[in-house]
Amino acid sequence: MAVKISAEAVKNLREQTGAGMMECKNALVQAEGDVAKAEDIIAKMGHRKAAKSASRTAKEGLIAIKTASDNHKGVLVEINCETDFVARDESFKAFVEAVGRVALETGQDSVEALLQNPIDGYDSIEDARKALIAKIGENIQIRRMRHLRADQNESIGAYLHGNRIGVLVKMKGGDVSLSRDVAMHIAAMSPQFIAPKDVSADVIAKEKEILVARAKESGKPDNIIEKIVQGQLNKYLNDICLLGQPFVKDQDISVENYLKTNKATLLDFVRFAVGEGIQVTKMSFQEEVMAQARGK
C-alpha cells in the first residue's frame, strides 16, 4: 500500500535539504515516508547531479576576501557558478561567505585541503558544495585560493569591488587607508608586477623584439631605432608594473611616489577577478539541444 506523503512533510524535507519540491516528494515516496532515508536519497541524488554538472563551464561567481583582525593575514577565494543569476542567489552567497571564513581560520594553502574542512553543519566543504549543486542545479567550483601573511612590522590590506574583483596587499608602513587605496588601484589597473626588476628577461626580450620590428618599418637609422625602442620599452614596463603606473586617485603622481610620500613599501599583492583565464566552449544551438536531450 502506497504511503501518503503530506505537503507538510515535503515542505519540512525541503527546508532541511534545500532540494527542489519534486525531488523531496519523490525521495519521500521512495523512502515510504521515512525522512532519514529520504535525506540519504537526496544526498545521493546530489552526488550524481554534482558529477553530471562538473563538465559544464563555471565562469561566473564571486570572490571571497577575508582578513584577520590584527591585519597580519588575509585570503582570497574564487568560487564559480555557471550564471550571474546564481551568483546573486542568497544560498550561493552564503556558501561563498562561509568558505572564505573557513579558509582564513584554517589557513589551508590548497583548495584540495580546504575542501576537507567541516562547514555549517556539513562534514566537509565538498559535501556542502555538492548539496548546493543539488539545490541550485549548476556546476559550482572552488577554483583557486591565495593567502598573504605579514610579519610583526607589516600589515595586510584588502579591497573588494562588487564581489567580482578582490585584491590583497602586503605593506610595510602606512595605514589601513593607504593599503586600501593601493589595493583599489590594483583592482582598477590590474598591474602584472610590482616593479620592472620583477619582470622576467624572457618577457622583456619578447616585447623588445616586437618593438624593434615595428620601429624598423619607419626606415630610421639603427641608433635612432634603439633610442625609440628603449623609450617604448620603458613605457611598456611602467604600464605593466604597479610602481610606474599613475596613481588612480591622483594621475599627477606615480604609485611609487605615493608610497614614498606616505613612508610605505609594497611587498606583495594578489588580484583575483571572477572568470579570468577561463576558456569557454561555445556550442551551436543544435549542439545545445542535443546536449539537453542526452541529459548533460
C-alpha atoms as a PDB file:
ATOM      1  CA  MET A   1       0.000   0.000   0.000  1.00  0.00           C
ATOM      2  CA  ALA A   2       1.395   3.374  -1.061  1.00  0.00           C
ATOM      3  CA  VAL A   3       2.287   5.742   1.751  1.00  0.00           C
ATOM      4  CA  LYS A   4       0.525   9.091   1.560  1.00  0.00           C
ATOM      5  CA  ILE A   5       3.040  11.947   1.578  1.00  0.00           C
ATOM      6  CA  SER A   6       1.745  15.163   3.104  1.00  0.00           C
ATOM      7  CA  ALA A   7       2.587  18.615   1.809  1.00  0.00           C
ATOM      8  CA  GLU A   8       3.939  19.437   5.268  1.00  0.00           C
ATOM      9  CA  ALA A   9       6.405  16.543   5.098  1.00  0.00           C
ATOM     10  CA  VAL A  10       7.608  17.692   1.687  1.00  0.00           C
ATOM     11  CA  LYS A  11       7.958  21.267   2.966  1.00  0.00           C
ATOM     12  CA  ASN A  12       9.957  20.148   6.022  1.00  0.00           C
ATOM     13  CA  LEU A  13      12.280  17.972   3.957  1.00  0.00           C
ATOM     14  CA  ARG A  14      12.814  20.808   1.507  1.00  0.00           C
ATOM     15  CA  GLU A  15      13.780  23.153   4.348  1.00  0.00           C
ATOM     16  CA  GLN A  16      16.209  20.567   5.764  1.00  0.00           C
ATOM     17  CA  THR A  17      17.912  19.669   2.484  1.00  0.00           C
ATOM     18  CA  GLY A  18      17.393  22.670   0.209  1.00  0.00           C
ATOM     19  CA  ALA A  19      16.390  20.289  -2.615  1.00  0.00           C
ATOM     20  CA  GLY A  20      13.538  21.032  -5.028  1.00  0.00           C
ATOM     21  CA  MET A  21       9.912  20.303  -4.137  1.00  0.00           C
ATOM     22  CA  MET A  22       9.527  17.396  -6.590  1.00  0.00           C
ATOM     23  CA  GLU A  23      12.883  15.924  -5.572  1.00  0.00           C
ATOM     24  CA  CYS A  24      11.722  15.937  -1.939  1.00  0.00           C
ATOM     25  CA  LYS A  25       8.357  14.384  -2.755  1.00  0.00           C
ATOM     26  CA  ASN A  26       9.906  11.650  -4.913  1.00  0.00           C
ATOM     27  CA  ALA A  27      12.506  10.891  -2.235  1.00  0.00           C
ATOM     28  CA  LEU A  28       9.793  10.557   0.434  1.00  0.00           C
ATOM     29  CA  VAL A  29       7.754   8.263  -1.820  1.00  0.00           C
ATOM     30  CA  GLN A  30      10.818   6.110  -2.499  1.00  0.00           C
ATOM     31  CA  ALA A  31      11.616   6.048   1.237  1.00  0.00           C
ATOM     32  CA  GLU A  32       7.981   5.240   2.079  1.00  0.00           C
ATOM     33  CA  GLY A  33       7.750   8.325   4.271  1.00  0.00           C
ATOM     34  CA  ASP A  34      10.957   7.721   6.247  1.00  0.00           C
ATOM     35  CA  VAL A  35      12.535  11.193   6.500  1.00  0.00           C
ATOM     36  CA  ALA A  36      16.043   9.937   7.326  1.00  0.00           C
ATOM     37  CA  LYS A  37      16.033   7.603   4.310  1.00  0.00           C
ATOM     38  CA  ALA A  38      14.663  10.399   2.136  1.00  0.00           C
ATOM     39  CA  GLU A  39      17.559  12.648   3.201  1.00  0.00           C
ATOM     40  CA  ASP A  40      20.024   9.907   2.203  1.00  0.00           C
ATOM     41  CA  ILE A  41      18.321   9.537  -1.168  1.00  0.00           C
ATOM     42  CA  ILE A  42      18.534  13.281  -1.813  1.00  0.00           C
ATOM     43  CA  ALA A  43      22.182  13.325  -0.746  1.00  0.00           C
ATOM     44  CA  LYS A  44      22.970  10.563  -3.248  1.00  0.00           C
ATOM     45  CA  MET A  45      21.000  12.384  -5.934  1.00  0.00           C
ATOM     46  CA  GLY A  46      23.098  15.435  -5.139  1.00  0.00           C
ATOM     47  CA  HIS A  47      26.304  13.500  -5.725  1.00  0.00           C
ATOM     48  CA  ARG A  48      25.006  12.339  -9.088  1.00  0.00           C
ATOM     49  CA  LYS A  49      23.947  15.849 -10.002  1.00  0.00           C
ATOM     50  CA  ALA A  50      27.343  17.177  -8.969  1.00  0.00           C
ATOM     51  CA  ALA A  51      29.106  14.679 -11.227  1.00  0.00           C
ATOM     52  CA  LYS A  52      26.714  15.474 -14.062  1.00  0.00           C
ATOM     53  CA  SER A  53      27.232  19.231 -13.686  1.00  0.00           C
ATOM     54  CA  ALA A  54      31.014  19.067 -13.423  1.00  0.00           C
ATOM     55  CA  SER A  55      31.540  19.083 -17.199  1.00  0.00           C
ATOM     56  CA  ARG A  56      29.722  22.413 -17.632  1.00  0.00           C
ATOM     57  CA  THR A  57      31.795  25.605 -17.612  1.00  0.00           C
ATOM     58  CA  ALA A  58      31.534  27.690 -14.443  1.00  0.00           C
ATOM     59  CA  LYS A  59      32.786  31.157 -15.397  1.00  0.00           C
ATOM     60  CA  GLU A  60      30.570  33.378 -13.240  1.00  0.00           C
ATOM     61  CA  GLY A  61      30.685  33.584  -9.454  1.00  0.00           C
ATOM     62  CA  LEU A  62      32.020  35.626  -6.572  1.00  0.00           C
ATOM     63  CA  ILE A  63      35.250  36.448  -4.770  1.00  0.00           C
ATOM     64  CA  ALA A  64      35.504  35.856  -1.022  1.00  0.00           C
ATOM     65  CA  ILE A  65      38.028  38.057   0.767  1.00  0.00           C
ATOM     66  CA  LYS A  66      38.830  37.797   4.475  1.00  0.00           C
ATOM     67  CA  THR A  67      41.437  39.421   6.706  1.00  0.00           C
ATOM     68  CA  ALA A  68      42.343  38.761  10.337  1.00  0.00           C
ATOM     69  CA  SER A  69      41.501  41.349  12.992  1.00  0.00           C
ATOM     70  CA  ASP A  70      45.216  42.028  13.570  1.00  0.00           C
ATOM     71  CA  ASN A  71      45.747  42.616   9.796  1.00  0.00           C
ATOM     72  CA  HIS A  72      48.529  40.032   9.725  1.00  0.00           C
ATOM     73  CA  LYS A  73      46.870  37.560   7.372  1.00  0.00           C
ATOM     74  CA  GLY A  74      44.312  37.538   4.604  1.00  0.00           C
ATOM     75  CA  VAL A  75      42.871  35.190   1.999  1.00  0.00           C
ATOM     76  CA  LEU A  76      41.217  35.423  -1.414  1.00  0.00           C
ATOM     77  CA  VAL A  77      38.990  32.631  -2.735  1.00  0.00           C
ATOM     78  CA  GLU A  78      37.295  32.474  -6.144  1.00  0.00           C
ATOM     79  CA  ILE A  79      34.114  30.377  -6.260  1.00  0.00           C
ATOM     80  CA  ASN A  80      32.455  29.890  -9.634  1.00  0.00           C
ATOM     81  CA  CYS A  81      28.998  29.035 -10.913  1.00  0.00           C
ATOM     82  CA  GLU A  82      27.570  28.951 -14.425  1.00  0.00           C
ATOM     83  CA  THR A  83      25.347  32.051 -14.478  1.00  0.00           C
ATOM     84  CA  ASP A  84      25.262  35.511 -12.907  1.00  0.00           C
ATOM     85  CA  PHE A  85      21.709  34.689 -11.785  1.00  0.00           C
ATOM     86  CA  VAL A  86      23.055  32.029  -9.422  1.00  0.00           C
ATOM     87  CA  ALA A  87      25.893  34.355  -8.372  1.00  0.00           C
ATOM     88  CA  ARG A  88      23.150  36.589  -6.933  1.00  0.00           C
ATOM     89  CA  ASP A  89      21.399  33.693  -5.153  1.00  0.00           C
ATOM     90  CA  GLU A  90      21.403  34.039  -1.355  1.00  0.00           C
ATOM     91  CA  SER A  91      22.365  30.377  -0.814  1.00  0.00           C
ATOM     92  CA  PHE A  92      25.345  30.735  -3.133  1.00  0.00           C
ATOM     93  CA  LYS A  93      26.415  33.999  -1.475  1.00  0.00           C
ATOM     94  CA  ALA A  94      26.142  32.391   1.969  1.00  0.00           C
ATOM     95  CA  PHE A  95      28.293  29.463   0.778  1.00  0.00           C
ATOM     96  CA  VAL A  96      30.953  31.851  -0.561  1.00  0.00           C
ATOM     97  CA  GLU A  97      30.975  33.780   2.722  1.00  0.00           C
ATOM     98  CA  ALA A  98      31.311  30.600   4.778  1.00  0.00           C
ATOM     99  CA  VAL A  99      34.111  29.186   2.603  1.00  0.00           C
ATOM    100  CA  GLY A 100      36.060  32.442   2.923  1.00  0.00           C
ATOM    101  CA  ARG A 101      35.700  32.332   6.693  1.00  0.00           C
ATOM    102  CA  VAL A 102      36.888  28.710   6.920  1.00  0.00           C
ATOM    103  CA  ALA A 103      39.785  29.440   4.538  1.00  0.00           C
ATOM    104  CA  LEU A 104      41.027  32.226   6.824  1.00  0.00           C
ATOM    105  CA  GLU A 105      40.511  30.236  10.031  1.00  0.00           C
ATOM    106  CA  THR A 106      42.239  27.049   8.843  1.00  0.00           C
ATOM    107  CA  GLY A 107      45.000  28.668   6.781  1.00  0.00           C
ATOM    108  CA  GLN A 108      44.883  25.812   4.253  1.00  0.00           C
ATOM    109  CA  ASP A 109      47.139  26.566   1.300  1.00  0.00           C
ATOM    110  CA  SER A 110      45.409  24.382  -1.298  1.00  0.00           C
ATOM    111  CA  VAL A 111      41.812  24.096  -2.461  1.00  0.00           C
ATOM    112  CA  GLU A 112      42.045  20.311  -2.139  1.00  0.00           C
ATOM    113  CA  ALA A 113      42.905  20.574   1.562  1.00  0.00           C
ATOM    114  CA  LEU A 114      40.315  23.300   2.143  1.00  0.00           C
ATOM    115  CA  LEU A 115      37.530  21.092   0.750  1.00  0.00           C
ATOM    116  CA  GLN A 116      38.029  18.555   3.547  1.00  0.00           C
ATOM    117  CA  ASN A 117      37.183  21.017   6.353  1.00  0.00           C
ATOM    118  CA  PRO A 118      33.743  20.940   8.039  1.00  0.00           C
ATOM    119  CA  ILE A 119      31.401  23.852   7.358  1.00  0.00           C
ATOM    120  CA  ASP A 120      27.981  24.926   8.686  1.00  0.00           C
ATOM    121  CA  GLY A 121      26.511  21.523   9.513  1.00  0.00           C
ATOM    122  CA  TYR A 122      28.342  19.539   6.812  1.00  0.00           C
ATOM    123  CA  ASP A 123      31.227  17.138   7.369  1.00  0.00           C
ATOM    124  CA  SER A 124      33.197  18.910   4.649  1.00  0.00           C
ATOM    125  CA  ILE A 125      33.065  21.874   2.288  1.00  0.00           C
ATOM    126  CA  GLU A 126      32.972  19.333  -0.541  1.00  0.00           C
ATOM    127  CA  ASP A 127      29.740  17.858   0.847  1.00  0.00           C
ATOM    128  CA  ALA A 128      28.280  21.352   1.182  1.00  0.00           C
ATOM    129  CA  ARG A 129      29.307  22.126  -2.405  1.00  0.00           C
ATOM    130  CA  LYS A 130      27.566  19.024  -3.725  1.00  0.00           C
ATOM    131  CA  ALA A 131      24.452  19.767  -1.679  1.00  0.00           C
ATOM    132  CA  LEU A 132      24.360  23.275  -3.153  1.00  0.00           C
ATOM    133  CA  ILE A 133      24.660  21.830  -6.660  1.00  0.00           C
ATOM    134  CA  ALA A 134      21.691  19.564  -5.883  1.00  0.00           C
ATOM    135  CA  LYS A 135      19.686  22.564  -4.739  1.00  0.00           C
ATOM    136  CA  ILE A 136      20.651  25.033  -7.474  1.00  0.00           C
ATOM    137  CA  GLY A 137      21.334  22.705 -10.399  1.00  0.00           C
ATOM    138  CA  GLU A 138      24.502  24.419 -11.644  1.00  0.00           C
ATOM    139  CA  ASN A 139      28.146  23.471 -11.659  1.00  0.00           C
ATOM    140  CA  ILE A 140      29.819  25.113  -8.648  1.00  0.00           C
ATOM    141  CA  GLN A 141      33.592  25.052  -8.244  1.00  0.00           C
ATOM    142  CA  ILE A 142      36.068  26.468  -5.747  1.00  0.00           C
ATOM    143  CA  ARG A 143      38.575  27.453  -8.380  1.00  0.00           C
ATOM    144  CA  ARG A 144      41.525  28.986  -6.552  1.00  0.00           C
ATOM    145  CA  MET A 145      42.728  30.449  -3.282  1.00  0.00           C
ATOM    146  CA  ARG A 146      45.662  32.567  -2.163  1.00  0.00           C
ATOM    147  CA  HIS A 147      46.857  33.637   1.289  1.00  0.00           C
ATOM    148  CA  LEU A 148      49.054  36.581   2.224  1.00  0.00           C
ATOM    149  CA  ARG A 149      50.771  36.606   5.613  1.00  0.00           C
ATOM    150  CA  ALA A 150      52.578  39.514   7.253  1.00  0.00           C
ATOM    151  CA  ASP A 151      55.318  39.780   9.871  1.00  0.00           C
ATOM    152  CA  GLN A 152      55.041  41.892  13.007  1.00  0.00           C
ATOM    153  CA  ASN A 153      56.037  45.178  11.362  1.00  0.00           C
ATOM    154  CA  GLU A 154      53.918  44.535   8.249  1.00  0.00           C
ATOM    155  CA  SER A 155      50.186  44.505   7.514  1.00  0.00           C
ATOM    156  CA  ILE A 156      47.644  43.080   5.079  1.00  0.00           C
ATOM    157  CA  GLY A 157      45.161  45.374   3.326  1.00  0.00           C
ATOM    158  CA  ALA A 158      42.159  44.434   1.195  1.00  0.00           C
ATOM    159  CA  TYR A 159      39.721  45.778  -1.364  1.00  0.00           C
ATOM    160  CA  LEU A 160      36.682  44.057  -2.884  1.00  0.00           C
ATOM    161  CA  HIS A 161      34.956  45.558  -5.907  1.00  0.00           C
ATOM    162  CA  GLY A 162      31.419  44.336  -6.498  1.00  0.00           C
ATOM    163  CA  ASN A 163      32.315  40.868  -5.181  1.00  0.00           C
ATOM    164  CA  ARG A 164      33.917  40.173  -8.578  1.00  0.00           C
ATOM    165  CA  ILE A 165      37.414  41.665  -8.175  1.00  0.00           C
ATOM    166  CA  GLY A 166      39.362  41.149  -4.976  1.00  0.00           C
ATOM    167  CA  VAL A 167      42.822  42.415  -4.010  1.00  0.00           C
ATOM    168  CA  LEU A 168      45.097  41.740  -1.054  1.00  0.00           C
ATOM    169  CA  VAL A 169      48.244  43.782  -0.446  1.00  0.00           C
ATOM    170  CA  LYS A 170      51.123  43.276   1.961  1.00  0.00           C
ATOM    171  CA  MET A 171      52.601  46.552   3.157  1.00  0.00           C
ATOM    172  CA  LYS A 172      55.389  47.816   5.354  1.00  0.00           C
ATOM    173  CA  GLY A 173      54.496  51.183   6.826  1.00  0.00           C
ATOM    174  CA  GLY A 174      51.415  53.227   6.004  1.00  0.00           C
ATOM    175  CA  ASP A 175      47.971  52.665   7.476  1.00  0.00           C
ATOM    176  CA  VAL A 176      44.676  50.935   6.666  1.00  0.00           C
ATOM    177  CA  SER A 177      43.501  53.814   4.465  1.00  0.00           C
ATOM    178  CA  LEU A 178      46.695  53.774   2.401  1.00  0.00           C
ATOM    179  CA  SER A 179      46.684  49.998   1.898  1.00  0.00           C
ATOM    180  CA  ARG A 180      43.045  50.165   0.777  1.00  0.00           C
ATOM    181  CA  ASP A 181      43.890  52.941  -1.711  1.00  0.00           C
ATOM    182  CA  VAL A 182      46.707  50.862  -3.211  1.00  0.00           C
ATOM    183  CA  ALA A 183      44.508  47.768  -3.328  1.00  0.00           C
ATOM    184  CA  MET A 184      41.801  49.802  -5.068  1.00  0.00           C
ATOM    185  CA  HIS A 185      44.354  50.981  -7.636  1.00  0.00           C
ATOM    186  CA  ILE A 186      45.421  47.380  -8.299  1.00  0.00           C
ATOM    187  CA  ALA A 187      41.768  46.353  -8.741  1.00  0.00           C
ATOM    188  CA  ALA A 188      41.267  49.116 -11.316  1.00  0.00           C
ATOM    189  CA  MET A 189      44.567  48.978 -13.236  1.00  0.00           C
ATOM    190  CA  SER A 190      45.478  45.270 -12.977  1.00  0.00           C
ATOM    191  CA  PRO A 191      49.303  45.524 -12.865  1.00  0.00           C
ATOM    192  CA  GLN A 192      51.164  42.295 -13.545  1.00  0.00           C
ATOM    193  CA  PHE A 193      54.262  43.040 -11.450  1.00  0.00           C
ATOM    194  CA  ILE A 194      55.371  45.368  -8.654  1.00  0.00           C
ATOM    195  CA  ALA A 195      58.500  46.784 -10.347  1.00  0.00           C
ATOM    196  CA  PRO A 196      60.471  46.312 -13.607  1.00  0.00           C
ATOM    197  CA  LYS A 197      63.040  44.182 -11.741  1.00  0.00           C
ATOM    198  CA  ASP A 198      60.284  41.602 -11.213  1.00  0.00           C
ATOM    199  CA  VAL A 199      59.680  41.184 -14.970  1.00  0.00           C
ATOM    200  CA  SER A 200      61.458  38.160 -16.421  1.00  0.00           C
ATOM    201  CA  ALA A 201      64.162  38.626 -19.056  1.00  0.00           C
ATOM    202  CA  ASP A 202      62.130  36.495 -21.484  1.00  0.00           C
ATOM    203  CA  VAL A 203      59.121  38.837 -21.274  1.00  0.00           C
ATOM    204  CA  ILE A 204      61.327  41.895 -21.822  1.00  0.00           C
ATOM    205  CA  ALA A 205      63.174  40.277 -24.734  1.00  0.00           C
ATOM    206  CA  LYS A 206      59.931  39.311 -26.450  1.00  0.00           C
ATOM    207  CA  GLU A 207      58.469  42.800 -26.125  1.00  0.00           C
ATOM    208  CA  LYS A 208      61.705  44.372 -27.359  1.00  0.00           C
ATOM    209  CA  GLU A 209      61.670  42.075 -30.390  1.00  0.00           C
ATOM    210  CA  ILE A 210      58.153  43.266 -31.264  1.00  0.00           C
ATOM    211  CA  LEU A 211      59.059  46.937 -30.769  1.00  0.00           C
ATOM    212  CA  VAL A 212      62.218  46.656 -32.904  1.00  0.00           C
ATOM    213  CA  ALA A 213      60.269  45.017 -35.739  1.00  0.00           C
ATOM    214  CA  ARG A 214      57.733  47.843 -35.699  1.00  0.00           C
ATOM    215  CA  ALA A 215      60.375  50.578 -35.448  1.00  0.00           C
ATOM    216  CA  LYS A 216      62.330  49.238 -38.452  1.00  0.00           C
ATOM    217  CA  GLU A 217      59.297  49.870 -40.653  1.00  0.00           C
ATOM    218  CA  SER A 218      59.971  53.599 -40.196  1.00  0.00           C
ATOM    219  CA  GLY A 219      63.268  53.314 -42.106  1.00  0.00           C
ATOM    220  CA  LYS A 220      65.167  55.255 -39.433  1.00  0.00           C
ATOM    221  CA  PRO A 221      68.870  54.502 -38.664  1.00  0.00           C
ATOM    222  CA  ASP A 222      69.626  51.752 -36.149  1.00  0.00           C
ATOM    223  CA  ASN A 223      70.955  54.171 -33.494  1.00  0.00           C
ATOM    224  CA  ILE A 224      67.689  56.158 -33.613  1.00  0.00           C
ATOM    225  CA  ILE A 225      65.634  52.960 -33.572  1.00  0.00           C
ATOM    226  CA  GLU A 226      67.482  51.831 -30.432  1.00  0.00           C
ATOM    227  CA  LYS A 227      66.535  55.053 -28.610  1.00  0.00           C
ATOM    228  CA  ILE A 228      62.918  54.833 -29.771  1.00  0.00           C
ATOM    229  CA  VAL A 229      62.653  51.196 -28.694  1.00  0.00           C
ATOM    230  CA  GLN A 230      64.199  51.893 -25.283  1.00  0.00           C
ATOM    231  CA  GLY A 231      61.693  54.664 -24.653  1.00  0.00           C
ATOM    232  CA  GLN A 232      58.785  52.461 -25.702  1.00  0.00           C
ATOM    233  CA  LEU A 233      60.097  49.601 -23.595  1.00  0.00           C
ATOM    234  CA  ASN A 234      60.292  51.838 -20.523  1.00  0.00           C
ATOM    235  CA  LYS A 235      56.690  52.919 -21.132  1.00  0.00           C
ATOM    236  CA  TYR A 236      55.630  49.286 -21.501  1.00  0.00           C
ATOM    237  CA  LEU A 237      57.273  48.360 -18.188  1.00  0.00           C
ATOM    238  CA  ASN A 238      55.611  51.294 -16.425  1.00  0.00           C
ATOM    239  CA  ASP A 239      52.255  50.165 -17.826  1.00  0.00           C
ATOM    240  CA  ILE A 240      52.515  46.596 -16.531  1.00  0.00           C
ATOM    241  CA  CYS A 241      54.352  47.371 -13.262  1.00  0.00           C
ATOM    242  CA  LEU A 242      52.465  48.834 -10.315  1.00  0.00           C
ATOM    243  CA  LEU A 243      55.091  51.340  -9.153  1.00  0.00           C
ATOM    244  CA  GLY A 244      55.340  53.057 -12.536  1.00  0.00           C
ATOM    245  CA  GLN A 245      51.594  53.480 -13.066  1.00  0.00           C
ATOM    246  CA  PRO A 246      49.907  56.872 -12.479  1.00  0.00           C
ATOM    247  CA  PHE A 247      48.053  56.589  -9.173  1.00  0.00           C
ATOM    248  CA  VAL A 248      44.358  56.092  -9.890  1.00  0.00           C
ATOM    249  CA  LYS A 249      43.247  58.752  -7.351  1.00  0.00           C
ATOM    250  CA  ASP A 250      45.851  61.319  -8.478  1.00  0.00           C
ATOM    251  CA  GLN A 251      47.109  60.919 -12.051  1.00  0.00           C
ATOM    252  CA  ASP A 252      49.860  63.515 -11.477  1.00  0.00           C
ATOM    253  CA  ILE A 253      51.906  61.130  -9.304  1.00  0.00           C
ATOM    254  CA  SER A 254      53.027  57.541  -9.704  1.00  0.00           C
ATOM    255  CA  VAL A 255      52.142  54.803  -7.252  1.00  0.00           C
ATOM    256  CA  GLU A 256      55.833  54.684  -6.318  1.00  0.00           C
ATOM    257  CA  ASN A 257      55.814  58.374  -5.345  1.00  0.00           C
ATOM    258  CA  TYR A 258      52.524  57.972  -3.496  1.00  0.00           C
ATOM    259  CA  LEU A 259      54.041  55.195  -1.382  1.00  0.00           C
ATOM    260  CA  LYS A 260      57.271  57.139  -0.752  1.00  0.00           C
ATOM    261  CA  THR A 261      55.327  60.218   0.330  1.00  0.00           C
ATOM    262  CA  ASN A 262      53.484  58.083   2.879  1.00  0.00           C
ATOM    263  CA  LYS A 263      56.662  56.263   4.005  1.00  0.00           C
ATOM    264  CA  ALA A 264      55.294  52.882   2.909  1.00  0.00           C
ATOM    265  CA  THR A 265      56.600  49.957   0.868  1.00  0.00           C
ATOM    266  CA  LEU A 266      54.500  47.442  -1.049  1.00  0.00           C
ATOM    267  CA  LEU A 267      55.911  43.949  -0.515  1.00  0.00           C
ATOM    268  CA  ASP A 268      53.393  41.762  -2.333  1.00  0.00           C
ATOM    269  CA  PHE A 269      49.918  41.712  -3.815  1.00  0.00           C
ATOM    270  CA  VAL A 270      47.399  39.289  -5.271  1.00  0.00           C
ATOM    271  CA  ARG A 271      44.443  40.156  -7.509  1.00  0.00           C
ATOM    272  CA  PHE A 272      41.570  37.837  -8.451  1.00  0.00           C
ATOM    273  CA  ALA A 273      38.849  38.667 -10.979  1.00  0.00           C
ATOM    274  CA  VAL A 274      35.956  36.275 -11.475  1.00  0.00           C
ATOM    275  CA  GLY A 275      36.366  34.066 -14.519  1.00  0.00           C
ATOM    276  CA  GLU A 276      39.671  35.492 -15.762  1.00  0.00           C
ATOM    277  CA  GLY A 277      41.536  32.977 -17.882  1.00  0.00           C
ATOM    278  CA  ILE A 278      38.641  30.518 -18.118  1.00  0.00           C
ATOM    279  CA  GLN A 279      38.165  29.231 -21.649  1.00  0.00           C
ATOM    280  CA  VAL A 280      34.505  28.928 -22.597  1.00  0.00           C
ATOM    281  CA  THR A 281      33.479  26.416 -25.246  1.00  0.00           C
ATOM    282  CA  LYS A 282      30.517  27.781 -27.171  1.00  0.00           C
ATOM    283  CA  MET A 283      28.043  25.288 -28.626  1.00  0.00           C
ATOM    284  CA  SER A 284      25.748  25.831 -31.574  1.00  0.00           C
ATOM    285  CA  PHE A 285      22.004  25.781 -30.989  1.00  0.00           C
ATOM    286  CA  GLN A 286      21.855  22.238 -32.400  1.00  0.00           C
ATOM    287  CA  GLU A 287      24.625  21.075 -30.045  1.00  0.00           C
ATOM    288  CA  GLU A 288      22.829  22.643 -27.071  1.00  0.00           C
ATOM    289  CA  VAL A 289      19.603  20.822 -27.923  1.00  0.00           C
ATOM    290  CA  MET A 290      21.454  17.514 -28.357  1.00  0.00           C
ATOM    291  CA  ALA A 291      23.276  18.025 -25.048  1.00  0.00           C
ATOM    292  CA  GLN A 292      19.979  18.644 -23.256  1.00  0.00           C
ATOM    293  CA  ALA A 293      18.459  15.593 -24.912  1.00  0.00           C
ATOM    294  CA  ARG A 294      21.344  13.490 -23.612  1.00  0.00           C
ATOM    295  CA  GLY A 295      20.797  14.963 -20.138  1.00  0.00           C
ATOM    296  CA  LYS A 296      24.090  16.886 -19.961  1.00  0.00           C
END
